Amino acid sequence: RGDLMQKACDGIDAGMMVVLGLADNDVEEICHDARESGK
């Protein structure tokens, strides 16, 4: 599983980021708006 995950992300500089102190819906809305702009 770990190998498959790593291969799926090879060459795309993927990552993860923790966000503290915001409500779920606020983070969801910010991510939605970012995807709408192509992110």
Full PDB file with SEQRES, HELIX, SHEET, SSBOND, CRYST1, ORIGX, SCALE, CONECT and MASTER records, all heavy atoms in Angstrom:
SEQRES   1 A   39  ARG GLY ASP LEU MET GLN LYS ALA CYS ASP GLY ILE ASP          
SEQRES   2 A   39  ALA GLY MET MET VAL VAL LEU GLY LEU ALA ASP ASN ASP          
SEQRES   3 A   39  VAL GLU GLU ILE CYS HIS ASP ALA ARG GLU SER GLY LYS          
HELIX    1 AA1 GLY A    2  CYS A    9  1                                   8    
HELIX    2 AA2 ASP A   24  GLU A   36  1                                  13    
CRYST1    1.000    1.000    1.000  90.00  90.00  90.00 P 1           1          
ORIGX1      1.000000  0.000000  0.000000        0.00000                         
ORIGX2      0.000000  1.000000  0.000000        0.00000                         
ORIGX3      0.000000  0.000000  1.000000        0.00000                         
SCALE1      1.000000  0.000000  0.000000        0.00000                         
SCALE2      0.000000  1.000000  0.000000        0.00000                         
SCALE3      0.000000  0.000000  1.000000        0.00000                         
ATOM      1  N   ARG A   1       0.831  -1.206   0.000  1.00  0.00           N  
ATOM      2  CA  ARG A   1       0.000   0.000   0.000  1.00  0.00           C  
ATOM      3  C   ARG A   1       0.866   1.257   0.000  1.00  0.00           C  
ATOM      4  O   ARG A   1       0.634   2.198  -0.764  1.00  0.00           O  
ATOM      5  CB  ARG A   1      -0.918  -0.016   1.227  1.00  0.00           C  
ATOM      6  CG  ARG A   1      -1.832   1.211   1.382  1.00  0.00           C  
ATOM      7  CD  ARG A   1      -2.716   1.018   2.612  1.00  0.00           C  
ATOM      8  NE  ARG A   1      -3.659   2.106   2.828  1.00  0.00           N  
ATOM      9  CZ  ARG A   1      -3.446   3.125   3.648  1.00  0.00           C  
ATOM     10  NH1 ARG A   1      -2.290   3.233   4.297  1.00  0.00           N  
ATOM     11  NH2 ARG A   1      -4.375   4.055   3.818  1.00  0.00           N  
ATOM     12  N   GLY A   2       1.877   1.280   0.866  1.00  0.00           N  
ATOM     13  CA  GLY A   2       2.768   2.438   0.920  1.00  0.00           C  
ATOM     14  C   GLY A   2       3.509   2.646  -0.383  1.00  0.00           C  
ATOM     15  O   GLY A   2       3.699   3.787  -0.837  1.00  0.00           O  
ATOM     16  N   ASP A   3       3.939   1.542  -1.008  1.00  0.00           N  
ATOM     17  CA  ASP A   3       4.648   1.632  -2.291  1.00  0.00           C  
ATOM     18  C   ASP A   3       3.717   2.169  -3.377  1.00  0.00           C  
ATOM     19  O   ASP A   3       4.114   3.031  -4.175  1.00  0.00           O  
ATOM     20  CB  ASP A   3       5.176   0.247  -2.664  1.00  0.00           C  
ATOM     21  CG  ASP A   3       6.149   0.286  -3.832  1.00  0.00           C  
ATOM     22  OD1 ASP A   3       7.014   1.194  -3.854  1.00  0.00           O  
ATOM     23  OD2 ASP A   3       6.047  -0.566  -4.721  1.00  0.00           O  
ATOM     24  N   LEU A   4       2.476   1.684  -3.399  1.00  0.00           N  
ATOM     25  CA  LEU A   4       1.499   2.162  -4.392  1.00  0.00           C  
ATOM     26  C   LEU A   4       1.196   3.649  -4.195  1.00  0.00           C  
ATOM     27  O   LEU A   4       1.071   4.409  -5.163  1.00  0.00           O  
ATOM     28  CB  LEU A   4       0.206   1.354  -4.287  1.00  0.00           C  
ATOM     29  CG  LEU A   4       0.269  -0.109  -4.724  1.00  0.00           C  
ATOM     30  CD1 LEU A   4      -1.015  -0.841  -4.339  1.00  0.00           C  
ATOM     31  CD2 LEU A   4       0.512  -0.224  -6.226  1.00  0.00           C  
ATOM     32  N   MET A   5       1.089   4.066  -2.960  1.00  0.00           N  
ATOM     33  CA  MET A   5       0.826   5.471  -2.657  1.00  0.00           C  
ATOM     34  C   MET A   5       1.981   6.353  -3.117  1.00  0.00           C  
ATOM     35  O   MET A   5       1.780   7.419  -3.699  1.00  0.00           O  
ATOM     36  CB  MET A   5       0.567   5.652  -1.161  1.00  0.00           C  
ATOM     37  CG  MET A   5      -0.730   5.031  -0.678  1.00  0.00           C  
ATOM     38  SD  MET A   5      -0.876   4.962   1.130  1.00  0.00           S  
ATOM     39  CE  MET A   5      -0.994   6.702   1.542  1.00  0.00           C  
ATOM     40  N   GLN A   6       3.200   5.881  -2.846  1.00  0.00           N  
ATOM     41  CA  GLN A   6       4.369   6.662  -3.242  1.00  0.00           C  
ATOM     42  C   GLN A   6       4.467   6.772  -4.760  1.00  0.00           C  
ATOM     43  O   GLN A   6       4.728   7.850  -5.305  1.00  0.00           O  
ATOM     44  CB  GLN A   6       5.638   6.027  -2.682  1.00  0.00           C  
ATOM     45  CG  GLN A   6       6.891   6.875  -2.852  1.00  0.00           C  
ATOM     46  CD  GLN A   6       6.825   8.166  -2.058  1.00  0.00           C  
ATOM     47  OE1 GLN A   6       6.762   8.142  -0.836  1.00  0.00           O  
ATOM     48  NE2 GLN A   6       6.825   9.304  -2.744  1.00  0.00           N  
ATOM     49  N   LYS A   7       4.227   5.657  -5.443  1.00  0.00           N  
ATOM     50  CA  LYS A   7       4.296   5.667  -6.907  1.00  0.00           C  
ATOM     51  C   LYS A   7       3.223   6.568  -7.509  1.00  0.00           C  
ATOM     52  O   LYS A   7       3.458   7.238  -8.519  1.00  0.00           O  
ATOM     53  CB  LYS A   7       4.173   4.240  -7.449  1.00  0.00           C  
ATOM     54  CG  LYS A   7       5.425   3.396  -7.227  1.00  0.00           C  
ATOM     55  CD  LYS A   7       5.246   1.973  -7.714  1.00  0.00           C  
ATOM     56  CE  LYS A   7       6.530   1.172  -7.508  1.00  0.00           C  
ATOM     57  NZ  LYS A   7       6.341  -0.261  -7.870  1.00  0.00           N  
ATOM     58  N   ALA A   8       2.045   6.598  -6.897  1.00  0.00           N  
ATOM     59  CA  ALA A   8       0.964   7.449  -7.398  1.00  0.00           C  
ATOM     60  C   ALA A   8       1.332   8.928  -7.325  1.00  0.00           C  
ATOM     61  O   ALA A   8       0.834   9.741  -8.110  1.00  0.00           O  
ATOM     62  CB  ALA A   8      -0.313   7.188  -6.598  1.00  0.00           C  
ATOM     63  N   CYS A   9       2.219   9.257  -6.389  1.00  0.00           N  
ATOM     64  CA  CYS A   9       2.602  10.660  -6.194  1.00  0.00           C  
ATOM     65  C   CYS A   9       3.978  11.001  -6.775  1.00  0.00           C  
ATOM     66  O   CYS A   9       4.433  12.144  -6.641  1.00  0.00           O  
ATOM     67  CB  CYS A   9       2.581  11.000  -4.701  1.00  0.00           C  
ATOM     68  SG  CYS A   9       0.930  10.995  -3.987  1.00  0.00           S  
ATOM     69  N   ASP A  10       4.626  10.024  -7.399  1.00  0.00           N  
ATOM     70  CA  ASP A  10       5.939  10.290  -7.995  1.00  0.00           C  
ATOM     71  C   ASP A  10       5.830  11.376  -9.057  1.00  0.00           C  
ATOM     72  O   ASP A  10       4.959  11.327  -9.927  1.00  0.00           O  
ATOM     73  CB  ASP A  10       6.502   9.011  -8.628  1.00  0.00           C  
ATOM     74  CG  ASP A  10       7.146   8.095  -7.604  1.00  0.00           C  
ATOM     75  OD1 ASP A  10       7.304   8.520  -6.449  1.00  0.00           O  
ATOM     76  OD2 ASP A  10       7.471   6.944  -7.959  1.00  0.00           O  
ATOM     77  N   GLY A  11       6.698  12.350  -8.959  1.00  0.00           N  
ATOM     78  CA  GLY A  11       6.790  13.380  -9.985  1.00  0.00           C  
ATOM     79  C   GLY A  11       5.771  14.494  -9.878  1.00  0.00           C  
ATOM     80  O   GLY A  11       5.730  15.377 -10.745  1.00  0.00           O  
ATOM     81  N   ILE A  12       4.956  14.503  -8.810  1.00  0.00           N  
ATOM     82  CA  ILE A  12       3.961  15.577  -8.711  1.00  0.00           C  
ATOM     83  C   ILE A  12       4.132  16.426  -7.451  1.00  0.00           C  
ATOM     84  O   ILE A  12       3.323  17.296  -7.185  1.00  0.00           O  
ATOM     85  CB  ILE A  12       2.518  15.028  -8.788  1.00  0.00           C  
ATOM     86  CG1 ILE A  12       2.250  14.018  -7.662  1.00  0.00           C  
ATOM     87  CG2 ILE A  12       2.240  14.403 -10.137  1.00  0.00           C  
ATOM     88  CD1 ILE A  12       0.791  13.572  -7.617  1.00  0.00           C  
ATOM     89  N   ASP A  13       5.166  16.194  -6.685  1.00  0.00           N  
ATOM     90  CA  ASP A  13       5.481  16.995  -5.495  1.00  0.00           C  
ATOM     91  C   ASP A  13       4.245  17.167  -4.610  1.00  0.00           C  
ATOM     92  O   ASP A  13       3.788  18.280  -4.339  1.00  0.00           O  
ATOM     93  CB  ASP A  13       6.038  18.363  -5.901  1.00  0.00           C  
ATOM     94  CG  ASP A  13       6.774  19.033  -4.727  1.00  0.00           C  
ATOM     95  OD1 ASP A  13       7.220  18.309  -3.819  1.00  0.00           O  
ATOM     96  OD2 ASP A  13       6.886  20.276  -4.729  1.00  0.00           O  
ATOM     97  N   ALA A  14       3.710  16.034  -4.178  1.00  0.00           N  
ATOM     98  CA  ALA A  14       2.508  16.032  -3.354  1.00  0.00           C  
ATOM     99  C   ALA A  14       2.859  16.173  -1.883  1.00  0.00           C  
ATOM    100  O   ALA A  14       4.005  15.935  -1.467  1.00  0.00           O  
ATOM    101  CB  ALA A  14       1.728  14.743  -3.585  1.00  0.00           C  
ATOM    102  N   GLY A  15       1.871  16.547  -1.091  1.00  0.00           N  
ATOM    103  CA  GLY A  15       2.107  16.681   0.339  1.00  0.00           C  
ATOM    104  C   GLY A  15       0.821  16.846   1.111  1.00  0.00           C  
ATOM    105  O   GLY A  15      -0.281  16.755   0.566  1.00  0.00           O  
ATOM    106  N   MET A  16       0.976  17.113   2.413  1.00  0.00           N  
ATOM    107  CA  MET A  16      -0.169  17.293   3.295  1.00  0.00           C  
ATOM    108  C   MET A  16       0.119  18.435   4.269  1.00  0.00           C  
ATOM    109  O   MET A  16       1.280  18.699   4.597  1.00  0.00           O  
ATOM    110  CB  MET A  16      -0.494  15.997   4.045  1.00  0.00           C  
ATOM    111  CG  MET A  16      -0.740  14.820   3.109  1.00  0.00           C  
ATOM    112  SD  MET A  16      -1.280  13.293   3.930  1.00  0.00           S  
ATOM    113  CE  MET A  16      -2.990  13.681   4.282  1.00  0.00           C  
ATOM    114  N   MET A  17      -0.931  19.080   4.735  1.00  0.00           N  
ATOM    115  CA  MET A  17      -0.777  20.242   5.603  1.00  0.00           C  
ATOM    116  C   MET A  17      -1.840  20.223   6.684  1.00  0.00           C  
ATOM    117  O   MET A  17      -3.024  19.976   6.403  1.00  0.00           O  
ATOM    118  CB  MET A  17      -0.885  21.522   4.766  1.00  0.00           C  
ATOM    119  CG  MET A  17      -0.597  22.798   5.524  1.00  0.00           C  
ATOM    120  SD  MET A  17      -0.300  24.191   4.375  1.00  0.00           S  
ATOM    121  CE  MET A  17      -1.940  24.395   3.686  1.00  0.00           C  
ATOM    122  N   VAL A  18      -1.434  20.435   7.934  1.00  0.00           N  
ATOM    123  CA  VAL A  18      -2.378  20.461   9.041  1.00  0.00           C  
ATOM    124  C   VAL A  18      -2.839  21.892   9.282  1.00  0.00           C  
ATOM    125  O   VAL A  18      -2.053  22.843   9.178  1.00  0.00           O  
ATOM    126  CB  VAL A  18      -1.764  19.853  10.321  1.00  0.00           C  
ATOM    127  CG1 VAL A  18      -0.580  20.663  10.829  1.00  0.00           C  
ATOM    128  CG2 VAL A  18      -2.816  19.692  11.405  1.00  0.00           C  
ATOM    129  N   VAL A  19      -4.117  22.024   9.571  1.00  0.00           N  
ATOM    130  CA  VAL A  19      -4.721  23.333   9.847  1.00  0.00           C  
ATOM    131  C   VAL A  19      -5.379  23.265  11.218  1.00  0.00           C  
ATOM    132  O   VAL A  19      -6.232  22.404  11.462  1.00  0.00           O  
ATOM    133  CB  VAL A  19      -5.776  23.698   8.782  1.00  0.00           C  
ATOM    134  CG1 VAL A  19      -6.363  25.084   9.077  1.00  0.00           C  
ATOM    135  CG2 VAL A  19      -5.168  23.649   7.387  1.00  0.00           C  
ATOM    136  N   LEU A  20      -4.991  24.167  12.113  1.00  0.00           N  
ATOM    137  CA  LEU A  20      -5.535  24.200  13.460  1.00  0.00           C  
ATOM    138  C   LEU A  20      -6.367  25.459  13.671  1.00  0.00           C  
ATOM    139  O   LEU A  20      -6.005  26.546  13.221  1.00  0.00           O  
ATOM    140  CB  LEU A  20      -4.404  24.164  14.497  1.00  0.00           C  
ATOM    141  CG  LEU A  20      -3.427  22.995  14.435  1.00  0.00           C  
ATOM    142  CD1 LEU A  20      -2.381  23.113  15.541  1.00  0.00           C  
ATOM    143  CD2 LEU A  20      -4.152  21.664  14.530  1.00  0.00           C  
ATOM    144  N   GLY A  21      -7.484  25.283  14.371  1.00  0.00           N  
ATOM    145  CA  GLY A  21      -8.240  26.438  14.815  1.00  0.00           C  
ATOM    146  C   GLY A  21      -9.370  26.890  13.925  1.00  0.00           C  
ATOM    147  O   GLY A  21     -10.001  27.910  14.215  1.00  0.00           O  
ATOM    148  N   LEU A  22      -9.660  26.173  12.851  1.00  0.00           N  
ATOM    149  CA  LEU A  22     -10.772  26.537  11.974  1.00  0.00           C  
ATOM    150  C   LEU A  22     -11.851  25.461  11.995  1.00  0.00           C  
ATOM    151  O   LEU A  22     -11.555  24.277  12.192  1.00  0.00           O  
ATOM    152  CB  LEU A  22     -10.297  26.726  10.529  1.00  0.00           C  
ATOM    153  CG  LEU A  22      -9.448  27.961  10.215  1.00  0.00           C  
ATOM    154  CD1 LEU A  22      -9.140  28.006   8.723  1.00  0.00           C  
ATOM    155  CD2 LEU A  22     -10.137  29.241  10.657  1.00  0.00           C  
ATOM    156  N   ALA A  23     -13.066  25.861  11.762  1.00  0.00           N  
ATOM    157  CA  ALA A  23     -14.171  24.903  11.634  1.00  0.00           C  
ATOM    158  C   ALA A  23     -14.033  24.131  10.328  1.00  0.00           C  
ATOM    159  O   ALA A  23     -13.472  24.635   9.346  1.00  0.00           O  
ATOM    160  CB  ALA A  23     -15.510  25.641  11.673  1.00  0.00           C  
ATOM    161  N   ASP A  24     -14.551  22.910  10.322  1.00  0.00           N  
ATOM    162  CA  ASP A  24     -14.450  22.054   9.134  1.00  0.00           C  
ATOM    163  C   ASP A  24     -14.993  22.744   7.894  1.00  0.00           C  
ATOM    164  O   ASP A  24     -14.376  22.709   6.824  1.00  0.00           O  
ATOM    165  CB  ASP A  24     -15.218  20.749   9.350  1.00  0.00           C  
ATOM    166  CG  ASP A  24     -14.632  19.876  10.450  1.00  0.00           C  
ATOM    167  OD1 ASP A  24     -13.486  20.149  10.864  1.00  0.00           O  
ATOM    168  OD2 ASP A  24     -15.314  18.933  10.875  1.00  0.00           O  
ATOM    169  N   ASN A  25     -16.163  23.360   8.025  1.00  0.00           N  
ATOM    170  CA  ASN A  25     -16.799  23.948   6.840  1.00  0.00           C  
ATOM    171  C   ASN A  25     -16.005  25.119   6.277  1.00  0.00           C  
ATOM    172  O   ASN A  25     -16.029  25.379   5.070  1.00  0.00           O  
ATOM    173  CB  ASN A  25     -18.241  24.358   7.145  1.00  0.00           C  
ATOM    174  CG  ASN A  25     -18.340  25.413   8.234  1.00  0.00           C  
ATOM    175  OD1 ASN A  25     -17.645  25.334   9.239  1.00  0.00           O  
ATOM    176  ND2 ASN A  25     -19.209  26.387   8.048  1.00  0.00           N  
ATOM    177  N   ASP A  26     -15.267  25.818   7.153  1.00  0.00           N  
ATOM    178  CA  ASP A  26     -14.416  26.911   6.666  1.00  0.00           C  
ATOM    179  C   ASP A  26     -13.283  26.362   5.802  1.00  0.00           C  
ATOM    180  O   ASP A  26     -12.983  26.907   4.729  1.00  0.00           O  
ATOM    181  CB  ASP A  26     -13.841  27.710   7.833  1.00  0.00           C  
ATOM    182  CG  ASP A  26     -14.898  28.522   8.563  1.00  0.00           C  
ATOM    183  OD1 ASP A  26     -15.908  28.869   7.932  1.00  0.00           O  
ATOM    184  OD2 ASP A  26     -14.712  28.788   9.763  1.00  0.00           O  
ATOM    185  N   VAL A  27     -12.652  25.287   6.270  1.00  0.00           N  
ATOM    186  CA  VAL A  27     -11.553  24.680   5.509  1.00  0.00           C  
ATOM    187  C   VAL A  27     -12.089  24.077   4.216  1.00  0.00           C  
ATOM    188  O   VAL A  27     -11.472  24.207   3.150  1.00  0.00           O  
ATOM    189  CB  VAL A  27     -10.821  23.609   6.350  1.00  0.00           C  
ATOM    190  CG1 VAL A  27      -9.673  22.994   5.540  1.00  0.00           C  
ATOM    191  CG2 VAL A  27     -10.292  24.211   7.645  1.00  0.00           C  
ATOM    192  N   GLU A  28     -13.232  23.417   4.297  1.00  0.00           N  
ATOM    193  CA  GLU A  28     -13.846  22.830   3.096  1.00  0.00           C  
ATOM    194  C   GLU A  28     -14.145  23.897   2.045  1.00  0.00           C  
ATOM    195  O   GLU A  28     -13.887  23.693   0.850  1.00  0.00           O  
ATOM    196  CB  GLU A  28     -15.135  22.105   3.488  1.00  0.00           C  
ATOM    197  CG  GLU A  28     -14.913  20.832   4.279  1.00  0.00           C  
ATOM    198  CD  GLU A  28     -16.173  20.320   4.962  1.00  0.00           C  
ATOM    199  OE1 GLU A  28     -17.199  21.030   4.939  1.00  0.00           O  
ATOM    200  OE2 GLU A  28     -16.119  19.215   5.534  1.00  0.00           O  
ATOM    201  N   GLU A  29     -14.648  25.020   2.486  1.00  0.00           N  
ATOM    202  CA  GLU A  29     -14.986  26.095   1.552  1.00  0.00           C  
ATOM    203  C   GLU A  29     -13.732  26.684   0.901  1.00  0.00           C  
ATOM    204  O   GLU A  29     -13.720  26.949  -0.313  1.00  0.00           O  
ATOM    205  CB  GLU A  29     -15.763  27.194   2.280  1.00  0.00           C  
ATOM    206  CG  GLU A  29     -16.251  28.301   1.356  1.00  0.00           C  
ATOM    207  CD  GLU A  29     -17.109  29.326   2.082  1.00  0.00           C  
ATOM    208  OE1 GLU A  29     -17.596  29.039   3.189  1.00  0.00           O  
ATOM    209  OE2 GLU A  29     -17.278  30.426   1.521  1.00  0.00           O  
ATOM    210  N   ILE A  30     -12.678  26.850   1.697  1.00  0.00           N  
ATOM    211  CA  ILE A  30     -11.428  27.380   1.152  1.00  0.00           C  
ATOM    212  C   ILE A  30     -10.836  26.414   0.123  1.00  0.00           C  
ATOM    213  O   ILE A  30     -10.374  26.833  -0.948  1.00  0.00           O  
ATOM    214  CB  ILE A  30     -10.426  27.664   2.299  1.00  0.00           C  
ATOM    215  CG1 ILE A  30     -10.901  28.888   3.100  1.00  0.00           C  
ATOM    216  CG2 ILE A  30      -9.015  27.890   1.750  1.00  0.00           C  
ATOM    217  CD1 ILE A  30     -10.141  29.106   4.391  1.00  0.00           C  
ATOM    218  N   CYS A  31     -10.881  25.118   0.422  1.00  0.00           N  
ATOM    219  CA  CYS A  31     -10.368  24.120  -0.527  1.00  0.00           C  
ATOM    220  C   CYS A  31     -11.236  24.090  -1.792  1.00  0.00           C  
ATOM    221  O   CYS A  31     -10.710  23.976  -2.910  1.00  0.00           O  
ATOM    222  CB  CYS A  31     -10.336  22.736   0.123  1.00  0.00           C  
ATOM    223  SG  CYS A  31      -9.044  22.522   1.355  1.00  0.00           S  
ATOM    224  N   HIS A  32     -12.532  24.180  -1.625  1.00  0.00           N  
ATOM    225  CA  HIS A  32     -13.437  24.182  -2.780  1.00  0.00           C  
ATOM    226  C   HIS A  32     -13.136  25.368  -3.691  1.00  0.00           C  
ATOM    227  O   HIS A  32     -13.028  25.226  -4.917  1.00  0.00           O  
ATOM    228  CB  HIS A  32     -14.887  24.232  -2.303  1.00  0.00           C  
ATOM    229  CG  HIS A  32     -15.883  24.358  -3.412  1.00  0.00           C  
ATOM    230  ND1 HIS A  32     -16.341  25.593  -3.876  1.00  0.00           N  
ATOM    231  CD2 HIS A  32     -16.496  23.426  -4.187  1.00  0.00           C  
ATOM    232  CE1 HIS A  32     -17.180  25.400  -4.867  1.00  0.00           C  
ATOM    233  NE2 HIS A  32     -17.301  24.095  -5.077  1.00  0.00           N  
ATOM    234  N   ASP A  33     -12.996  26.541  -3.102  1.00  0.00           N  
ATOM    235  CA  ASP A  33     -12.706  27.733  -3.898  1.00  0.00           C  
ATOM    236  C   ASP A  33     -11.362  27.601  -4.606  1.00  0.00           C  
ATOM    237  O   ASP A  33     -11.216  28.026  -5.765  1.00  0.00           O  
ATOM    238  CB  ASP A  33     -12.700  28.975  -3.005  1.00  0.00           C  
ATOM    239  CG  ASP A  33     -14.097  29.333  -2.499  1.00  0.00           C  
ATOM    240  OD1 ASP A  33     -15.079  28.789  -3.040  1.00  0.00           O  
ATOM    241  OD2 ASP A  33     -14.185  30.144  -1.551  1.00  0.00           O  
ATOM    242  N   ALA A  34     -10.389  26.991  -3.935  1.00  0.00           N  
ATOM    243  CA  ALA A  34      -9.068  26.798  -4.543  1.00  0.00           C  
ATOM    244  C   ALA A  34      -9.158  25.849  -5.735  1.00  0.00           C  
ATOM    245  O   ALA A  34      -8.533  26.081  -6.780  1.00  0.00           O  
ATOM    246  CB  ALA A  34      -8.085  26.265  -3.502  1.00  0.00           C  
ATOM    247  N   ARG A  35      -9.943  24.769  -5.597  1.00  0.00           N  
ATOM    248  CA  ARG A  35     -10.113  23.840  -6.720  1.00  0.00           C  
ATOM    249  C   ARG A  35     -10.820  24.518  -7.887  1.00  0.00           C  
ATOM    250  O   ARG A  35     -10.517  24.248  -9.050  1.00  0.00           O  
ATOM    251  CB  ARG A  35     -10.884  22.586  -6.273  1.00  0.00           C  
ATOM    252  CG  ARG A  35     -10.091  21.659  -5.376  1.00  0.00           C  
ATOM    253  CD  ARG A  35     -10.726  20.279  -5.281  1.00  0.00           C  
ATOM    254  NE  ARG A  35     -12.096  20.328  -4.784  1.00  0.00           N  
ATOM    255  CZ  ARG A  35     -12.437  20.355  -3.504  1.00  0.00           C  
ATOM    256  NH1 ARG A  35     -11.471  20.364  -2.575  1.00  0.00           N  
ATOM    257  NH2 ARG A  35     -13.699  20.371  -3.140  1.00  0.00           N  
ATOM    258  N   GLU A  36     -11.763  25.387  -7.584  1.00  0.00           N  
ATOM    259  CA  GLU A  36     -12.464  26.124  -8.632  1.00  0.00           C  
ATOM    260  C   GLU A  36     -11.505  26.988  -9.449  1.00  0.00           C  
ATOM    261  O   GLU A  36     -11.743  27.256 -10.628  1.00  0.00           O  
ATOM    262  CB  GLU A  36     -13.549  27.007  -8.013  1.00  0.00           C  
ATOM    263  CG  GLU A  36     -14.740  26.243  -7.452  1.00  0.00           C  
ATOM    264  CD  GLU A  36     -15.625  25.651  -8.534  1.00  0.00           C  
ATOM    265  OE1 GLU A  36     -16.207  26.416  -9.317  1.00  0.00           O  
ATOM    266  OE2 GLU A  36     -15.707  24.405  -8.607  1.00  0.00           O  
ATOM    267  N   SER A  37     -10.418  27.416  -8.804  1.00  0.00           N  
ATOM    268  CA  SER A  37      -9.427  28.239  -9.498  1.00  0.00           C  
ATOM    269  C   SER A  37      -8.288  27.413 -10.089  1.00  0.00           C  
ATOM    270  O   SER A  37      -7.276  27.960 -10.545  1.00  0.00           O  
ATOM    271  CB  SER A  37      -8.856  29.296  -8.547  1.00  0.00           C  
ATOM    272  OG  SER A  37      -8.074  28.687  -7.530  1.00  0.00           O  
ATOM    273  N   GLY A  38      -8.442  26.057 -10.062  1.00  0.00           N  
ATOM    274  CA  GLY A  38      -7.472  25.180 -10.710  1.00  0.00           C  
ATOM    275  C   GLY A  38      -6.459  24.518  -9.804  1.00  0.00           C  
ATOM    276  O   GLY A  38      -5.622  23.736 -10.274  1.00  0.00           O  
ATOM    277  N   LYS A  39      -6.530  24.785  -8.503  1.00  0.00           N  
ATOM    278  CA  LYS A  39      -5.574  24.175  -7.572  1.00  0.00           C  
ATOM    279  C   LYS A  39      -6.043  22.781  -7.169  1.00  0.00           C  
ATOM    280  O   LYS A  39      -7.247  22.476  -7.178  1.00  0.00           O  
ATOM    281  CB  LYS A  39      -5.387  25.068  -6.344  1.00  0.00           C  
ATOM    282  CG  LYS A  39      -4.649  26.362  -6.657  1.00  0.00           C  
ATOM    283  CD  LYS A  39      -4.433  27.193  -5.414  1.00  0.00           C  
ATOM    284  CE  LYS A  39      -3.486  28.361  -5.695  1.00  0.00           C  
ATOM    285  NZ  LYS A  39      -3.913  29.202  -6.809  1.00  0.00           N  
TER     286      LYS A  39                                                      
MASTER        0    0    0    2    0    0    0    6  285    1    0    3          
END                                                                             
